[in-house]
Amino acid sequence: MVEVIKSLSTDEKREIQLLLQQYLREERRDEIHNNFKSAQVEQQKGVNQAAGVDAKVIYSRSTETLATQALAHVQHERN
């Protein structure tokens, strides 16, 4: 392949160079886009996990509050 390229005219070599630069830019653009999409997915997973943790904490606290209120009610009823 190198020998074929060497045998091309200067204009043909420049055209190949321009095409290669364009292909490299497109590949880099695709890579950046894919990295961006991956980062979005990872961020969403983190948000979902954090929301799950928050929901568990809220549920735990509300259950704790209900249990405390029920216990206080029972103790009040005994007195």
N, C-alpha and C. Protein backbone atom coordinates (compact mmCIF):
# COMPACT_ATOMS: atom_id res chain seq x y z
N MET A 1 0.83 -1.18 0.00
CA MET A 1 0.00 0.00 0.00
C MET A 1 0.88 1.26 0.00
N VAL A 2 1.95 1.23 0.77
CA VAL A 2 2.86 2.38 0.82
C VAL A 2 3.42 2.68 -0.56
N GLU A 3 3.78 1.65 -1.27
CA GLU A 3 4.35 1.84 -2.62
C GLU A 3 3.32 2.46 -3.56
N VAL A 4 2.08 2.04 -3.42
CA VAL A 4 1.02 2.60 -4.28
C VAL A 4 0.86 4.08 -3.98
N ILE A 5 0.86 4.43 -2.70
CA ILE A 5 0.71 5.84 -2.32
C ILE A 5 1.90 6.66 -2.82
N LYS A 6 3.07 6.09 -2.69
CA LYS A 6 4.27 6.80 -3.18
C LYS A 6 4.18 7.10 -4.67
N SER A 7 3.53 6.23 -5.40
CA SER A 7 3.45 6.41 -6.86
C SER A 7 2.37 7.40 -7.30
N LEU A 8 1.56 7.88 -6.38
CA LEU A 8 0.50 8.82 -6.71
C LEU A 8 1.06 10.22 -6.95
N SER A 9 0.29 11.02 -7.63
CA SER A 9 0.68 12.41 -7.85
C SER A 9 0.53 13.19 -6.54
N THR A 10 1.13 14.36 -6.50
CA THR A 10 1.06 15.20 -5.30
C THR A 10 -0.39 15.55 -4.98
N ASP A 11 -1.16 15.87 -5.99
CA ASP A 11 -2.58 16.20 -5.76
C ASP A 11 -3.35 15.00 -5.18
N GLU A 12 -3.08 13.83 -5.68
CA GLU A 12 -3.76 12.62 -5.18
C GLU A 12 -3.36 12.35 -3.72
N LYS A 13 -2.07 12.57 -3.42
CA LYS A 13 -1.61 12.39 -2.04
C LYS A 13 -2.28 13.39 -1.11
N ARG A 14 -2.41 14.64 -1.57
CA ARG A 14 -3.10 15.66 -0.75
C ARG A 14 -4.57 15.29 -0.52
N GLU A 15 -5.19 14.77 -1.58
CA GLU A 15 -6.59 14.35 -1.45
C GLU A 15 -6.72 13.22 -0.42
N ILE A 16 -5.81 12.28 -0.47
CA ILE A 16 -5.81 11.19 0.52
C ILE A 16 -5.57 11.76 1.92
N GLN A 17 -4.63 12.70 2.01
CA GLN A 17 -4.34 13.31 3.31
C GLN A 17 -5.59 14.00 3.87
N LEU A 18 -6.28 14.75 3.03
CA LEU A 18 -7.49 15.44 3.47
C LEU A 18 -8.57 14.43 3.90
N LEU A 19 -8.71 13.38 3.13
CA LEU A 19 -9.69 12.33 3.48
C LEU A 19 -9.35 11.67 4.81
N LEU A 20 -8.07 11.37 5.00
CA LEU A 20 -7.64 10.76 6.26
C LEU A 20 -7.88 11.68 7.45
N GLN A 21 -7.60 12.97 7.27
CA GLN A 21 -7.86 13.94 8.34
C GLN A 21 -9.35 14.00 8.66
N GLN A 22 -10.17 13.97 7.62
CA GLN A 22 -11.62 13.99 7.81
C GLN A 22 -12.07 12.74 8.55
N TYR A 23 -11.56 11.58 8.16
CA TYR A 23 -11.94 10.32 8.82
C TYR A 23 -11.50 10.33 10.28
N LEU A 24 -10.31 10.84 10.53
CA LEU A 24 -9.82 10.92 11.91
C LEU A 24 -10.69 11.85 12.76
N ARG A 25 -11.10 12.99 12.19
CA ARG A 25 -11.99 13.91 12.91
C ARG A 25 -13.32 13.24 13.22
N GLU A 26 -13.87 12.52 12.24
CA GLU A 26 -15.15 11.84 12.43
C GLU A 26 -15.05 10.76 13.50
N GLU A 27 -13.96 10.01 13.47
CA GLU A 27 -13.75 8.97 14.48
C GLU A 27 -13.63 9.59 15.87
N ARG A 28 -12.89 10.68 15.96
CA ARG A 28 -12.72 11.36 17.26
C ARG A 28 -14.06 11.92 17.74
N ARG A 29 -14.83 12.48 16.84
CA ARG A 29 -16.15 13.02 17.17
C ARG A 29 -17.05 11.89 17.69
N ASP A 30 -17.02 10.74 17.02
CA ASP A 30 -17.81 9.59 17.47
C ASP A 30 -17.36 9.11 18.85
N GLU A 31 -16.05 9.10 19.06
CA GLU A 31 -15.50 8.69 20.35
C GLU A 31 -15.98 9.63 21.46
N ILE A 32 -15.91 10.93 21.19
CA ILE A 32 -16.36 11.92 22.18
C ILE A 32 -17.85 11.75 22.45
N HIS A 33 -18.62 11.55 21.40
CA HIS A 33 -20.06 11.36 21.56
C HIS A 33 -20.37 10.11 22.38
N ASN A 34 -19.68 9.02 22.08
CA ASN A 34 -19.89 7.77 22.83
C ASN A 34 -19.50 7.93 24.30
N ASN A 35 -18.40 8.63 24.55
CA ASN A 35 -17.99 8.89 25.94
C ASN A 35 -19.02 9.73 26.67
N PHE A 36 -19.58 10.71 25.97
CA PHE A 36 -20.62 11.55 26.55
C PHE A 36 -21.84 10.73 26.90
N LYS A 37 -22.26 9.86 25.98
CA LYS A 37 -23.43 9.01 26.24
C LYS A 37 -23.16 8.07 27.42
N SER A 38 -21.98 7.50 27.48
CA SER A 38 -21.62 6.62 28.60
C SER A 38 -21.65 7.38 29.91
N ALA A 39 -21.14 8.60 29.90
CA ALA A 39 -21.14 9.42 31.11
C ALA A 39 -22.56 9.74 31.55
N GLN A 40 -23.44 9.99 30.58
CA GLN A 40 -24.85 10.24 30.92
C GLN A 40 -25.48 9.03 31.58
N VAL A 41 -25.21 7.85 31.03
CA VAL A 41 -25.76 6.61 31.59
C VAL A 41 -25.24 6.40 33.01
N GLU A 42 -23.93 6.59 33.19
CA GLU A 42 -23.34 6.42 34.52
C GLU A 42 -23.91 7.43 35.51
N GLN A 43 -24.09 8.67 35.05
CA GLN A 43 -24.65 9.69 35.92
C GLN A 43 -26.08 9.32 36.31
N GLN A 44 -26.86 8.83 35.35
CA GLN A 44 -28.24 8.46 35.63
C GLN A 44 -28.29 7.29 36.60
N LYS A 45 -27.36 6.33 36.43
CA LYS A 45 -27.30 5.21 37.39
C LYS A 45 -27.02 5.74 38.79
N GLY A 46 -26.10 6.68 38.89
CA GLY A 46 -25.76 7.28 40.18
C GLY A 46 -26.94 8.01 40.78
N VAL A 47 -27.66 8.74 39.94
CA VAL A 47 -28.85 9.47 40.41
C VAL A 47 -29.90 8.48 40.88
N ASN A 48 -30.10 7.42 40.11
CA ASN A 48 -31.09 6.42 40.49
C ASN A 48 -30.70 5.72 41.79
N GLN A 49 -29.41 5.41 41.93
CA GLN A 49 -28.96 4.76 43.15
C GLN A 49 -29.12 5.71 44.33
N ALA A 50 -28.77 6.96 44.14
CA ALA A 50 -28.91 7.95 45.21
C ALA A 50 -30.38 8.12 45.57
N ALA A 51 -31.26 8.13 44.58
CA ALA A 51 -32.70 8.25 44.83
C ALA A 51 -33.19 7.02 45.60
N GLY A 52 -32.67 5.85 45.26
CA GLY A 52 -33.04 4.63 45.98
C GLY A 52 -32.60 4.69 47.42
N VAL A 53 -31.39 5.18 47.65
CA VAL A 53 -30.89 5.32 49.02
C VAL A 53 -31.73 6.33 49.77
N ASP A 54 -32.02 7.46 49.15
CA ASP A 54 -32.86 8.48 49.79
C ASP A 54 -34.23 7.91 50.13
N ALA A 55 -34.80 7.16 49.22
CA ALA A 55 -36.12 6.58 49.46
C ALA A 55 -36.06 5.60 50.63
N LYS A 56 -35.00 4.82 50.72
CA LYS A 56 -34.85 3.87 51.83
C LYS A 56 -34.72 4.62 53.15
N VAL A 57 -33.96 5.69 53.15
CA VAL A 57 -33.77 6.48 54.36
C VAL A 57 -35.09 7.10 54.79
N ILE A 58 -35.81 7.67 53.83
CA ILE A 58 -37.12 8.27 54.14
C ILE A 58 -38.07 7.21 54.67
N TYR A 59 -38.11 6.05 54.01
CA TYR A 59 -38.99 4.97 54.46
C TYR A 59 -38.60 4.52 55.86
N SER A 60 -37.30 4.37 56.09
CA SER A 60 -36.81 3.94 57.39
C SER A 60 -37.19 4.95 58.46
N ARG A 61 -37.01 6.22 58.18
CA ARG A 61 -37.34 7.27 59.15
C ARG A 61 -38.83 7.34 59.41
N SER A 62 -39.64 7.19 58.35
CA SER A 62 -41.08 7.26 58.55
C SER A 62 -41.56 6.04 59.34
N THR A 63 -40.97 4.87 59.09
CA THR A 63 -41.32 3.68 59.85
C THR A 63 -40.90 3.85 61.30
N GLU A 64 -39.73 4.42 61.51
CA GLU A 64 -39.23 4.69 62.85
C GLU A 64 -40.18 5.65 63.59
N THR A 65 -40.62 6.68 62.91
CA THR A 65 -41.52 7.65 63.49
C THR A 65 -42.85 7.00 63.85
N LEU A 66 -43.37 6.19 62.96
CA LEU A 66 -44.63 5.49 63.24
C LEU A 66 -44.48 4.55 64.42
N ALA A 67 -43.37 3.84 64.47
CA ALA A 67 -43.13 2.92 65.58
C ALA A 67 -43.03 3.69 66.89
N THR A 68 -42.35 4.82 66.87
CA THR A 68 -42.21 5.65 68.07
C THR A 68 -43.57 6.18 68.51
N GLN A 69 -44.36 6.62 67.56
CA GLN A 69 -45.69 7.12 67.88
C GLN A 69 -46.58 6.00 68.44
N ALA A 70 -46.51 4.83 67.85
CA ALA A 70 -47.31 3.70 68.33
C ALA A 70 -46.89 3.32 69.75
N LEU A 71 -45.60 3.28 69.99
CA LEU A 71 -45.10 2.94 71.32
C LEU A 71 -45.55 3.99 72.34
N ALA A 72 -45.46 5.25 71.97
CA ALA A 72 -45.91 6.32 72.86
C ALA A 72 -47.39 6.18 73.14
N HIS A 73 -48.17 5.83 72.15
CA HIS A 73 -49.61 5.66 72.32
C HIS A 73 -49.91 4.50 73.28
N VAL A 74 -49.21 3.39 73.09
CA VAL A 74 -49.40 2.22 73.95
C VAL A 74 -49.03 2.57 75.39
N GLN A 75 -47.92 3.24 75.56
CA GLN A 75 -47.49 3.61 76.90
C GLN A 75 -48.49 4.58 77.52
N HIS A 76 -49.02 5.49 76.73
CA HIS A 76 -50.02 6.44 77.23
C HIS A 76 -51.30 5.70 77.65
N GLU A 77 -51.68 4.71 76.87
CA GLU A 77 -52.88 3.93 77.17
C GLU A 77 -52.71 3.13 78.44
N ARG A 78 -51.53 2.65 78.75
CA ARG A 78 -51.26 1.86 79.96
C ARG A 78 -51.37 2.76 81.19
N ASN A 79 -51.02 4.01 81.04
CA ASN A 79 -51.03 4.93 82.20
C ASN A 79 -52.40 5.46 82.34
